Amino acid sequence: MKKFVLAVAVITLLMMDLSAQEYKILTSVESIVPMGIGRSRIINYAQEMDASKFTTERTQGTDSNQKDVKRKDLKIDELEETKLLNFYSATGINFQNIASNDAVISSKLTELAQQGWELVFVTSGVESDGGETDGNGIFITRYIFKR
């Protein structure tokens, strides 16, 4: 009987590991536009999507039904925006703004961890200011969670 109970417990634990996992992506966008005129935010979607509705298959390599997928249908209406400060102020790079953003982002990551989300991957990219004639730039970070 003990072996049976042990076997059931092991099988139950294995089945829990095989259960479907849920993923979530949180994105921070921090402006690196000079003079602090850019916009910086943490973006968190509040509406679930079903990617299969926007996925088509090709036949014979060239035939595709992508024209049946409308871009307007991909846009969600429900999202959460958390304001962040821009990296630059009128006098240049602002380290106080960076520290403030770190505190806000840490708060958001902690909130998600308390909801049972586990941070599994972080990726970032920069489109930097290209000099006098550019004046544009963002620093984007994607935080990928699972539970």
C-alpha atoms as a PDB file:
ATOM      1  CA  MET A   1       0.000   0.000   0.000  1.00  0.00           C
ATOM      2  CA  LYS A   2       2.862   2.377   0.812  1.00  0.00           C
ATOM      3  CA  LYS A   3       4.374   1.751  -2.623  1.00  0.00           C
ATOM      4  CA  PHE A   4       1.024   2.505  -4.250  1.00  0.00           C
ATOM      5  CA  VAL A   5       0.642   5.820  -2.387  1.00  0.00           C
ATOM      6  CA  LEU A   6       4.228   6.729  -3.222  1.00  0.00           C
ATOM      7  CA  ALA A   7       3.678   5.874  -6.893  1.00  0.00           C
ATOM      8  CA  VAL A   8       0.509   8.008  -7.022  1.00  0.00           C
ATOM      9  CA  ALA A   9       2.359  10.912  -5.376  1.00  0.00           C
ATOM     10  CA  VAL A  10       5.236  10.682  -7.882  1.00  0.00           C
ATOM     11  CA  ILE A  11       2.858  10.489 -10.853  1.00  0.00           C
ATOM     12  CA  THR A  12       0.910  13.486  -9.523  1.00  0.00           C
ATOM     13  CA  LEU A  13       4.104  15.525  -9.194  1.00  0.00           C
ATOM     14  CA  LEU A  14       5.199  14.568 -12.707  1.00  0.00           C
ATOM     15  CA  MET A  15       1.818  15.564 -14.113  1.00  0.00           C
ATOM     16  CA  MET A  16       2.119  18.989 -12.469  1.00  0.00           C
ATOM     17  CA  ASP A  17       5.383  19.570 -14.331  1.00  0.00           C
ATOM     18  CA  LEU A  18       3.707  18.617 -17.620  1.00  0.00           C
ATOM     19  CA  SER A  19       0.851  21.078 -17.183  1.00  0.00           C
ATOM     20  CA  ALA A  20       0.683  24.008 -19.583  1.00  0.00           C
ATOM     21  CA  GLN A  21       2.599  27.087 -18.580  1.00  0.00           C
ATOM     22  CA  GLU A  22       1.476  30.641 -18.975  1.00  0.00           C
ATOM     23  CA  TYR A  23       3.807  33.380 -20.223  1.00  0.00           C
ATOM     24  CA  LYS A  24       3.686  37.148 -19.842  1.00  0.00           C
ATOM     25  CA  ILE A  25       5.799  39.917 -21.329  1.00  0.00           C
ATOM     26  CA  LEU A  26       6.283  43.306 -19.705  1.00  0.00           C
ATOM     27  CA  THR A  27       7.989  46.030 -21.757  1.00  0.00           C
ATOM     28  CA  SER A  28       9.738  49.168 -20.584  1.00  0.00           C
ATOM     29  CA  VAL A  29      10.441  51.926 -23.096  1.00  0.00           C
ATOM     30  CA  GLU A  30      12.785  54.655 -21.908  1.00  0.00           C
ATOM     31  CA  SER A  31      13.352  57.708 -24.057  1.00  0.00           C
ATOM     32  CA  ILE A  32      16.875  58.848 -24.843  1.00  0.00           C
ATOM     33  CA  VAL A  33      15.694  61.918 -26.725  1.00  0.00           C
ATOM     34  CA  PRO A  34      17.729  65.017 -25.753  1.00  0.00           C
ATOM     35  CA  MET A  35      16.078  67.728 -23.637  1.00  0.00           C
ATOM     36  CA  GLY A  36      13.737  65.179 -22.020  1.00  0.00           C
ATOM     37  CA  ILE A  37      10.962  65.645 -24.588  1.00  0.00           C
ATOM     38  CA  GLY A  38      10.454  61.901 -25.235  1.00  0.00           C
ATOM     39  CA  ARG A  39       7.954  59.591 -23.544  1.00  0.00           C
ATOM     40  CA  SER A  40       8.923  56.723 -21.266  1.00  0.00           C
ATOM     41  CA  ARG A  41       6.586  54.003 -20.011  1.00  0.00           C
ATOM     42  CA  ILE A  42       6.201  50.483 -18.703  1.00  0.00           C
ATOM     43  CA  ILE A  43       3.625  48.768 -20.906  1.00  0.00           C
ATOM     44  CA  ASN A  44       1.620  45.822 -19.609  1.00  0.00           C
ATOM     45  CA  TYR A  45      -1.167  44.340 -21.696  1.00  0.00           C
ATOM     46  CA  ALA A  46      -4.453  43.764 -19.884  1.00  0.00           C
ATOM     47  CA  GLN A  47      -6.195  41.838 -22.653  1.00  0.00           C
ATOM     48  CA  GLU A  48      -5.423  38.287 -23.727  1.00  0.00           C
ATOM     49  CA  MET A  49      -4.819  37.433 -27.374  1.00  0.00           C
ATOM     50  CA  ASP A  50      -5.078  34.221 -29.374  1.00  0.00           C
ATOM     51  CA  ALA A  51      -2.178  34.124 -31.850  1.00  0.00           C
ATOM     52  CA  SER A  52      -3.851  31.360 -33.853  1.00  0.00           C
ATOM     53  CA  LYS A  53      -6.403  33.915 -35.103  1.00  0.00           C
ATOM     54  CA  PHE A  54      -3.581  35.812 -36.806  1.00  0.00           C
ATOM     55  CA  THR A  55      -1.555  32.856 -38.058  1.00  0.00           C
ATOM     56  CA  THR A  56      -1.806  31.484 -41.571  1.00  0.00           C
ATOM     57  CA  GLU A  57      -0.025  28.692 -43.374  1.00  0.00           C
ATOM     58  CA  ARG A  58       1.714  28.828 -46.716  1.00  0.00           C
ATOM     59  CA  THR A  59       1.112  26.232 -49.350  1.00  0.00           C
ATOM     60  CA  GLN A  60       3.698  25.467 -51.993  1.00  0.00           C
ATOM     61  CA  GLY A  61       5.998  28.072 -50.447  1.00  0.00           C
ATOM     62  CA  THR A  62       4.366  31.143 -51.983  1.00  0.00           C
ATOM     63  CA  ASP A  63       0.599  30.968 -51.464  1.00  0.00           C
ATOM     64  CA  SER A  64      -0.399  32.759 -48.253  1.00  0.00           C
ATOM     65  CA  ASN A  65      -3.611  33.973 -46.664  1.00  0.00           C
ATOM     66  CA  GLN A  66      -1.878  36.823 -44.798  1.00  0.00           C
ATOM     67  CA  LYS A  67      -4.065  39.337 -46.645  1.00  0.00           C
ATOM     68  CA  ASP A  68      -6.994  37.927 -44.644  1.00  0.00           C
ATOM     69  CA  VAL A  69      -5.334  39.069 -41.390  1.00  0.00           C
ATOM     70  CA  LYS A  70      -6.087  42.730 -40.729  1.00  0.00           C
ATOM     71  CA  ARG A  71      -3.562  44.757 -38.716  1.00  0.00           C
ATOM     72  CA  LYS A  72      -6.365  46.606 -36.926  1.00  0.00           C
ATOM     73  CA  ASP A  73      -7.551  43.282 -35.488  1.00  0.00           C
ATOM     74  CA  LEU A  74      -4.128  42.777 -33.850  1.00  0.00           C
ATOM     75  CA  LYS A  75      -4.394  45.935 -31.739  1.00  0.00           C
ATOM     76  CA  ILE A  76      -5.610  45.598 -28.175  1.00  0.00           C
ATOM     77  CA  ASP A  77      -7.677  48.214 -26.392  1.00  0.00           C
ATOM     78  CA  GLU A  78      -6.848  47.297 -22.815  1.00  0.00           C
ATOM     79  CA  LEU A  79      -3.357  48.031 -21.539  1.00  0.00           C
ATOM     80  CA  GLU A  80      -1.676  49.411 -18.487  1.00  0.00           C
ATOM     81  CA  GLU A  81       0.853  52.249 -18.731  1.00  0.00           C
ATOM     82  CA  THR A  82       3.190  53.152 -15.896  1.00  0.00           C
ATOM     83  CA  LYS A  83       4.938  56.477 -16.411  1.00  0.00           C
ATOM     84  CA  LEU A  84       8.726  56.585 -16.296  1.00  0.00           C
ATOM     85  CA  LEU A  85      11.175  59.458 -16.512  1.00  0.00           C
ATOM     86  CA  ASN A  86      13.303  60.145 -19.583  1.00  0.00           C
ATOM     87  CA  PHE A  87      17.035  59.401 -19.514  1.00  0.00           C
ATOM     88  CA  TYR A  88      17.881  62.956 -20.605  1.00  0.00           C
ATOM     89  CA  SER A  89      16.929  66.250 -19.021  1.00  0.00           C
ATOM     90  CA  ALA A  90      17.735  69.762 -20.245  1.00  0.00           C
ATOM     91  CA  THR A  91      21.322  69.413 -18.988  1.00  0.00           C
ATOM     92  CA  GLY A  92      22.045  65.954 -20.436  1.00  0.00           C
ATOM     93  CA  ILE A  93      21.868  62.454 -19.038  1.00  0.00           C
ATOM     94  CA  ASN A  94      20.025  62.473 -15.719  1.00  0.00           C
ATOM     95  CA  PHE A  95      21.229  59.798 -13.278  1.00  0.00           C
ATOM     96  CA  GLN A  96      18.471  60.613 -10.795  1.00  0.00           C
ATOM     97  CA  ASN A  97      15.899  59.785 -13.499  1.00  0.00           C
ATOM     98  CA  ILE A  98      17.643  56.458 -14.189  1.00  0.00           C
ATOM     99  CA  ALA A  99      17.628  55.550 -10.473  1.00  0.00           C
ATOM    100  CA  SER A 100      13.974  56.586 -10.226  1.00  0.00           C
ATOM    101  CA  ASN A 101      13.074  54.386 -13.211  1.00  0.00           C
ATOM    102  CA  ASP A 102      14.987  51.480 -11.658  1.00  0.00           C
ATOM    103  CA  ALA A 103      12.905  51.853  -8.484  1.00  0.00           C
ATOM    104  CA  VAL A 104       9.610  51.933 -10.422  1.00  0.00           C
ATOM    105  CA  ILE A 105      10.585  48.961 -12.613  1.00  0.00           C
ATOM    106  CA  SER A 106      11.737  47.007  -9.533  1.00  0.00           C
ATOM    107  CA  SER A 107       8.384  47.723  -7.895  1.00  0.00           C
ATOM    108  CA  LYS A 108       6.542  46.398 -10.944  1.00  0.00           C
ATOM    109  CA  LEU A 109       8.733  43.269 -11.151  1.00  0.00           C
ATOM    110  CA  THR A 110       8.155  42.637  -7.435  1.00  0.00           C
ATOM    111  CA  GLU A 111       4.406  43.031  -7.910  1.00  0.00           C
ATOM    112  CA  LEU A 112       4.410  40.407 -10.669  1.00  0.00           C
ATOM    113  CA  ALA A 113       6.574  38.050  -8.581  1.00  0.00           C
ATOM    114  CA  GLN A 114       4.068  38.358  -5.737  1.00  0.00           C
ATOM    115  CA  GLN A 115       1.352  37.336  -8.225  1.00  0.00           C
ATOM    116  CA  GLY A 116       3.265  34.124  -8.909  1.00  0.00           C
ATOM    117  CA  TRP A 117       5.126  35.166 -12.059  1.00  0.00           C
ATOM    118  CA  GLU A 118       8.743  34.007 -12.378  1.00  0.00           C
ATOM    119  CA  LEU A 119      11.139  36.181 -14.376  1.00  0.00           C
ATOM    120  CA  VAL A 120      12.857  33.823 -16.821  1.00  0.00           C
ATOM    121  CA  PHE A 121      14.454  36.062 -19.439  1.00  0.00           C
ATOM    122  CA  VAL A 122      15.289  39.711 -20.074  1.00  0.00           C
ATOM    123  CA  THR A 123      16.238  41.190 -23.426  1.00  0.00           C
ATOM    124  CA  SER A 124      16.907  44.789 -24.392  1.00  0.00           C
ATOM    125  CA  GLY A 125      17.764  46.930 -27.353  1.00  0.00           C
ATOM    126  CA  VAL A 126      18.647  50.510 -28.153  1.00  0.00           C
ATOM    127  CA  GLU A 127      17.884  52.815 -31.040  1.00  0.00           C
ATOM    128  CA  SER A 128      20.222  55.576 -30.052  1.00  0.00           C
ATOM    129  CA  ASP A 129      20.460  59.231 -30.873  1.00  0.00           C
ATOM    130  CA  GLY A 130      22.391  59.522 -34.133  1.00  0.00           C
ATOM    131  CA  GLY A 131      23.735  63.025 -33.558  1.00  0.00           C
ATOM    132  CA  GLU A 132      22.623  66.549 -34.349  1.00  0.00           C
ATOM    133  CA  THR A 133      20.294  65.628 -37.191  1.00  0.00           C
ATOM    134  CA  ASP A 134      18.640  62.636 -35.476  1.00  0.00           C
ATOM    135  CA  GLY A 135      17.246  63.629 -32.071  1.00  0.00           C
ATOM    136  CA  ASN A 136      15.506  60.270 -31.587  1.00  0.00           C
ATOM    137  CA  GLY A 137      16.185  57.239 -29.480  1.00  0.00           C
ATOM    138  CA  ILE A 138      14.696  54.643 -27.155  1.00  0.00           C
ATOM    139  CA  PHE A 139      15.966  52.013 -24.793  1.00  0.00           C
ATOM    140  CA  ILE A 140      13.523  49.090 -24.744  1.00  0.00           C
ATOM    141  CA  THR A 141      13.576  46.142 -22.368  1.00  0.00           C
ATOM    142  CA  ARG A 142      11.336  43.098 -22.465  1.00  0.00           C
ATOM    143  CA  TYR A 143      10.856  41.083 -19.287  1.00  0.00           C
ATOM    144  CA  ILE A 144       9.534  37.572 -19.946  1.00  0.00           C
ATOM    145  CA  PHE A 145       7.759  35.750 -17.142  1.00  0.00           C
ATOM    146  CA  LYS A 146       6.152  32.350 -16.703  1.00  0.00           C
ATOM    147  CA  ARG A 147       3.975  30.644 -14.135  1.00  0.00           C
END
